[in-house]
Amino acid sequence: MTTISPGAPARIATAPPPTAAIVAIALNTFREAIRDKILYLLLVFALILIGTARLLSMLTVGDEQKIIKDVGLSAISLFGVMTAVFVGVSLVFKEIERRTVYTLLANPVRRWQFVGGKFLGLMCVLAMNVGLMSLALFAIVAIRGESPLPLLPAIFLLLVELAVITAFALLFSTVTNPTLAAVWTFAAYVMGHLSWSMQLLKQRVPEGIARVVCDVVYWLLPNLERLNLKGEVVHGIERPDGWVPLAAAYGLGYALVVLVLACVAFERRDFK
């Protein structure tokens, strides 16, 4: 029988609250990501492209202000996706390669908390980058005498889209190497923007199993065009009332489902 002396304090190992573990992993991920050289390289290129949007508008035919907005939003979207992919696919792999994941999971930290913390940390990095790029675009638009506020819905939905891409990057990084994970994540991004074409293809194929496949693929793929408001804000096209919150709910819900799949895949992974 084990006895405890009266003067010795009893020590009971307790697991930290789930949110505390996730926040701690997210903060560590954020610190590591902002030290990544590729992150700064992508950010600098994006800021340069946004800064030269004025010059590009002078070399093309059309409304200069619309061209500046279009180029700026496209640059934010492109470099945001590249950051989500190239940084996201290496988050889990680096921890496994350096064997820090073994030490971390030896503590009272669940695997789903590890994945959730990585996701939250990278989203903080993406939000910071998108914020910096947006400020550069806002400054250019404001200097030309126009309010940049109409651009906010497009940028907000862009962040939601990046949440979906980040979830895919984490999912694929838990089951394969960074190279294949990057290829699959880019494929998910491209197919997400082309998922609407499944309905057109459905009308052109014979009735039967082919149309069923088109429907299944259409509903399984993320419809990222729902989150694309660049054309609308550039050309001043109004969306129906409530479009932005409904689109955001769809995107965040899809990202949550993919993130749950990433947690399940990571739970089943055997570390040797």
Protein backbone atom coordinates (compact mmCIF):
# COMPACT_ATOMS: atom_id res chain seq x y z
CA MET A 1 0.00 0.00 0.00
CA THR A 2 1.37 3.41 -0.93
CA THR A 3 1.47 6.05 1.77
CA ILE A 4 1.90 9.80 1.48
CA SER A 5 3.71 11.66 4.21
CA PRO A 6 1.66 14.43 5.87
CA GLY A 7 4.03 17.19 4.74
CA ALA A 8 4.29 16.10 1.10
CA PRO A 9 1.79 17.68 -1.33
CA ALA A 10 -0.20 15.27 -3.44
CA ARG A 11 0.58 15.60 -7.17
CA ILE A 12 -2.12 14.63 -9.56
CA ALA A 13 -1.41 14.81 -13.28
CA THR A 14 -4.30 16.54 -14.92
CA ALA A 15 -4.78 17.18 -18.60
CA PRO A 16 -5.05 20.83 -19.68
CA PRO A 17 -8.42 22.06 -20.95
CA PRO A 18 -8.92 21.26 -24.66
CA THR A 19 -8.99 24.94 -25.63
CA ALA A 20 -5.75 25.65 -23.74
CA ALA A 21 -3.93 22.88 -25.60
CA ILE A 22 -5.26 24.04 -28.97
CA VAL A 23 -4.31 27.67 -28.28
CA ALA A 24 -0.81 26.69 -27.15
CA ILE A 25 -0.23 24.62 -30.31
CA ALA A 26 -1.71 27.42 -32.45
CA LEU A 27 0.65 30.03 -30.92
CA ASN A 28 3.65 27.77 -31.48
CA THR A 29 2.54 27.12 -35.08
CA PHE A 30 2.13 30.86 -35.67
CA ARG A 31 5.63 31.60 -34.36
CA GLU A 32 7.17 28.88 -36.51
CA ALA A 33 5.25 29.87 -39.65
CA ILE A 34 6.17 33.56 -39.51
CA ARG A 35 9.83 32.52 -39.41
CA ASP A 36 9.42 30.55 -42.64
CA LYS A 37 11.32 32.26 -45.48
CA ILE A 38 8.84 31.14 -48.13
CA LEU A 39 6.11 33.03 -46.27
CA TYR A 40 7.94 36.34 -46.57
CA LEU A 41 8.87 35.60 -50.18
CA LEU A 42 5.22 35.10 -51.13
CA LEU A 43 4.13 38.15 -49.16
CA VAL A 44 6.73 40.40 -50.81
CA PHE A 45 5.76 39.21 -54.29
CA ALA A 46 2.09 39.81 -53.51
CA LEU A 47 2.71 43.33 -52.20
CA ILE A 48 4.86 44.14 -55.25
CA LEU A 49 2.12 42.90 -57.59
CA ILE A 50 -0.53 44.92 -55.76
CA GLY A 51 1.75 47.96 -55.82
CA THR A 52 2.28 47.66 -59.57
CA ALA A 53 -1.46 47.29 -60.23
CA ARG A 54 -1.52 50.99 -61.15
CA LEU A 55 1.13 50.42 -63.81
CA LEU A 56 -0.67 47.35 -65.14
CA SER A 57 -3.89 49.34 -65.43
CA MET A 58 -2.11 51.90 -67.62
CA LEU A 59 -0.91 49.17 -69.99
CA THR A 60 -4.33 47.61 -70.55
CA VAL A 61 -7.58 48.80 -72.05
CA GLY A 62 -10.47 49.41 -69.67
CA ASP A 63 -11.45 51.17 -66.46
CA GLU A 64 -8.22 51.69 -64.49
CA GLN A 65 -9.95 51.53 -61.10
CA LYS A 66 -11.63 48.22 -61.93
CA ILE A 67 -8.36 46.76 -63.22
CA ILE A 68 -6.56 47.81 -60.03
CA LYS A 69 -9.22 46.14 -57.88
CA ASP A 70 -9.26 43.01 -60.02
CA VAL A 71 -5.46 42.63 -60.02
CA GLY A 72 -5.26 43.37 -56.31
CA LEU A 73 -7.94 40.88 -55.27
CA SER A 74 -6.53 38.24 -57.61
CA ALA A 75 -3.06 38.71 -56.09
CA ILE A 76 -4.43 38.37 -52.55
CA SER A 77 -6.31 35.22 -53.55
CA LEU A 78 -3.42 33.61 -55.45
CA PHE A 79 -0.72 34.25 -52.86
CA GLY A 80 -3.08 33.38 -50.02
CA VAL A 81 -3.74 29.98 -51.58
CA MET A 82 -0.03 29.43 -52.22
CA THR A 83 0.74 30.21 -48.58
CA ALA A 84 -2.01 27.88 -47.35
CA VAL A 85 -0.72 25.06 -49.54
CA PHE A 86 3.06 25.35 -49.18
CA VAL A 87 3.01 26.08 -45.45
CA GLY A 88 0.01 23.89 -44.62
CA VAL A 89 1.27 20.66 -46.19
CA SER A 90 4.51 20.83 -44.19
CA LEU A 91 3.03 21.54 -40.77
CA VAL A 92 2.45 17.92 -39.76
CA PHE A 93 5.36 16.52 -41.81
CA LYS A 94 7.91 18.76 -40.06
CA GLU A 95 6.71 17.64 -36.64
CA ILE A 96 7.02 13.98 -37.66
CA GLU A 97 10.39 14.44 -39.39
CA ARG A 98 11.89 16.22 -36.38
CA ARG A 99 10.19 13.72 -34.05
CA THR A 100 8.74 16.55 -31.96
CA VAL A 101 5.30 15.04 -32.46
CA TYR A 102 6.31 12.09 -30.26
CA THR A 103 7.21 14.38 -27.36
CA LEU A 104 4.09 16.46 -27.83
CA LEU A 105 1.70 13.51 -27.98
CA ALA A 106 3.41 11.95 -24.94
CA ASN A 107 1.92 14.83 -22.94
CA PRO A 108 -1.81 14.96 -22.14
CA VAL A 109 -2.60 16.32 -25.61
CA ARG A 110 -5.04 14.57 -27.90
CA ARG A 111 -4.31 14.17 -31.59
CA TRP A 112 -7.40 16.14 -32.61
CA GLN A 113 -6.15 19.03 -30.47
CA PHE A 114 -2.84 18.87 -32.32
CA VAL A 115 -4.56 19.11 -35.72
CA GLY A 116 -6.96 21.80 -34.50
CA GLY A 117 -4.08 23.86 -33.12
CA LYS A 118 -2.14 23.59 -36.38
CA PHE A 119 -5.21 24.71 -38.32
CA LEU A 120 -5.88 27.68 -36.04
CA GLY A 121 -2.23 28.75 -36.07
CA LEU A 122 -2.01 28.72 -39.86
CA MET A 123 -5.31 30.59 -40.17
CA CYS A 124 -3.86 33.33 -37.93
CA VAL A 125 -0.87 33.57 -40.29
CA LEU A 126 -3.16 33.73 -43.33
CA ALA A 127 -5.35 36.37 -41.68
CA MET A 128 -2.26 38.48 -40.97
CA ASN A 129 -0.98 38.14 -44.55
CA VAL A 130 -4.36 38.83 -46.12
CA GLY A 131 -4.73 41.83 -43.81
CA LEU A 132 -1.38 43.29 -44.90
CA MET A 133 -2.10 42.73 -48.59
CA SER A 134 -5.60 44.19 -48.20
CA LEU A 135 -4.24 47.32 -46.52
CA ALA A 136 -1.91 47.84 -49.49
CA LEU A 137 -4.82 47.49 -51.91
CA PHE A 138 -7.07 49.74 -49.77
CA ALA A 139 -4.39 52.43 -49.79
CA ILE A 140 -4.11 52.36 -53.58
CA VAL A 141 -7.90 52.49 -54.03
CA ALA A 142 -8.29 55.28 -51.44
CA ILE A 143 -5.51 57.37 -53.03
CA ARG A 144 -7.47 57.27 -56.28
CA GLY A 145 -10.45 58.80 -54.47
CA GLU A 146 -12.70 55.74 -54.03
CA SER A 147 -13.83 54.00 -50.88
CA PRO A 148 -12.26 50.53 -50.38
CA LEU A 149 -15.12 49.36 -48.11
CA PRO A 150 -17.03 47.54 -50.91
CA LEU A 151 -14.04 45.19 -51.17
CA LEU A 152 -14.52 43.87 -47.63
CA PRO A 153 -17.13 41.15 -48.43
CA ALA A 154 -14.88 39.68 -51.14
CA ILE A 155 -11.88 39.64 -48.80
CA PHE A 156 -13.93 38.10 -45.99
CA LEU A 157 -15.13 35.26 -48.22
CA LEU A 158 -11.55 34.87 -49.48
CA LEU A 159 -10.50 34.11 -45.90
CA VAL A 160 -13.30 31.53 -45.69
CA GLU A 161 -12.03 29.95 -48.90
CA LEU A 162 -8.53 29.81 -47.43
CA ALA A 163 -9.98 27.99 -44.41
CA VAL A 164 -11.27 25.29 -46.77
CA ILE A 165 -7.91 25.04 -48.57
CA THR A 166 -6.03 24.90 -45.25
CA ALA A 167 -8.26 22.07 -44.04
CA PHE A 168 -7.53 20.13 -47.23
CA ALA A 169 -3.79 20.78 -46.84
CA LEU A 170 -3.85 19.38 -43.30
CA LEU A 171 -5.96 16.39 -44.36
CA PHE A 172 -3.59 15.40 -47.16
CA SER A 173 -0.50 16.10 -45.05
CA THR A 174 -1.66 13.50 -42.50
CA VAL A 175 -1.79 10.71 -45.08
CA THR A 176 1.07 11.39 -47.50
CA ASN A 177 4.28 13.33 -48.11
CA PRO A 178 4.35 17.14 -48.67
CA THR A 179 4.81 16.90 -52.46
CA LEU A 180 1.73 14.75 -53.04
CA ALA A 181 -0.19 16.71 -50.42
CA ALA A 182 0.54 19.96 -52.28
CA VAL A 183 -0.56 18.43 -55.60
CA TRP A 184 -3.79 17.09 -54.11
CA THR A 185 -4.54 20.37 -52.34
CA PHE A 186 -4.05 22.38 -55.53
CA ALA A 187 -6.27 19.84 -57.31
CA ALA A 188 -8.98 20.35 -54.68
CA TYR A 189 -8.71 24.12 -55.19
CA VAL A 190 -9.00 23.90 -58.98
CA MET A 191 -11.79 21.32 -58.89
CA GLY A 192 -13.63 23.39 -56.30
CA HIS A 193 -13.76 26.30 -58.71
CA LEU A 194 -14.86 24.00 -61.56
CA SER A 195 -17.42 21.94 -59.64
CA TRP A 196 -20.26 23.87 -61.31
CA SER A 197 -19.26 22.26 -64.62
CA MET A 198 -20.50 18.89 -63.32
CA GLN A 199 -24.06 20.10 -63.82
CA LEU A 200 -23.28 21.05 -67.43
CA LEU A 201 -21.61 17.70 -68.01
CA LYS A 202 -24.65 15.94 -66.54
CA GLN A 203 -26.83 17.39 -69.32
CA ARG A 204 -24.49 16.09 -72.01
CA VAL A 205 -24.03 12.48 -70.86
CA PRO A 206 -26.58 9.67 -71.33
CA GLU A 207 -29.01 8.91 -68.54
CA GLY A 208 -27.91 6.33 -66.01
CA ILE A 209 -24.80 5.83 -63.95
CA ALA A 210 -22.92 8.68 -65.65
CA ARG A 211 -25.44 11.26 -64.43
CA VAL A 212 -25.38 9.77 -60.93
CA VAL A 213 -21.60 10.11 -60.89
CA CYS A 214 -21.89 13.75 -61.96
CA ASP A 215 -24.32 14.44 -59.12
CA VAL A 216 -22.13 12.68 -56.55
CA VAL A 217 -19.00 14.54 -57.66
CA TYR A 218 -20.88 17.85 -57.70
CA TRP A 219 -22.12 17.46 -54.12
CA LEU A 220 -18.85 16.08 -52.75
CA LEU A 221 -16.58 18.76 -54.19
CA PRO A 222 -16.47 22.17 -52.49
CA ASN A 223 -18.25 24.83 -54.53
CA LEU A 224 -15.60 27.52 -54.14
CA GLU A 225 -17.31 29.76 -56.69
CA ARG A 226 -19.89 30.51 -53.97
CA LEU A 227 -17.07 32.21 -52.09
CA ASN A 228 -15.81 34.18 -55.10
CA LEU A 229 -17.08 37.76 -55.05
CA LYS A 230 -14.19 39.38 -56.90
CA GLY A 231 -16.15 39.97 -60.09
CA GLU A 232 -19.15 41.35 -58.23
CA VAL A 233 -17.25 43.90 -56.14
CA VAL A 234 -15.08 44.99 -59.08
CA HIS A 235 -18.04 45.62 -61.39
CA GLY A 236 -20.51 46.72 -58.71
CA ILE A 237 -22.91 43.78 -59.15
CA GLU A 238 -25.26 43.29 -56.21
CA ARG A 239 -25.75 39.83 -54.73
CA PRO A 240 -29.08 38.83 -53.09
CA ASP A 241 -29.50 39.86 -49.46
CA GLY A 242 -27.93 37.39 -47.07
CA TRP A 243 -25.61 35.92 -49.70
CA VAL A 244 -22.38 36.65 -47.78
CA PRO A 245 -23.39 35.05 -44.43
CA LEU A 246 -24.90 32.02 -46.18
CA ALA A 247 -21.80 31.56 -48.32
CA ALA A 248 -19.58 31.95 -45.25
CA ALA A 249 -21.63 29.37 -43.34
CA TYR A 250 -21.31 26.95 -46.26
CA GLY A 251 -17.55 27.43 -46.52
CA LEU A 252 -16.89 27.17 -42.79
CA GLY A 253 -19.14 24.11 -42.53
CA TYR A 254 -17.27 22.41 -45.36
CA ALA A 255 -13.91 23.31 -43.78
CA LEU A 256 -15.10 21.83 -40.48
CA VAL A 257 -16.04 18.54 -42.16
CA VAL A 258 -12.63 18.30 -43.88
CA LEU A 259 -10.89 19.17 -40.60
CA VAL A 260 -12.78 16.38 -38.82
CA LEU A 261 -11.61 13.96 -41.52
CA ALA A 262 -8.05 15.21 -40.96
CA CYS A 263 -8.39 14.52 -37.24
CA VAL A 264 -9.71 11.01 -37.93
CA ALA A 265 -6.86 10.29 -40.36
CA PHE A 266 -4.29 11.55 -37.87
CA GLU A 267 -5.85 9.47 -35.06
CA ARG A 268 -5.45 6.32 -37.20
CA ARG A 269 -1.87 7.08 -38.21
CA ASP A 270 0.67 4.76 -36.63
CA PHE A 271 3.94 6.43 -35.56
CA LYS A 272 6.93 4.10 -35.39
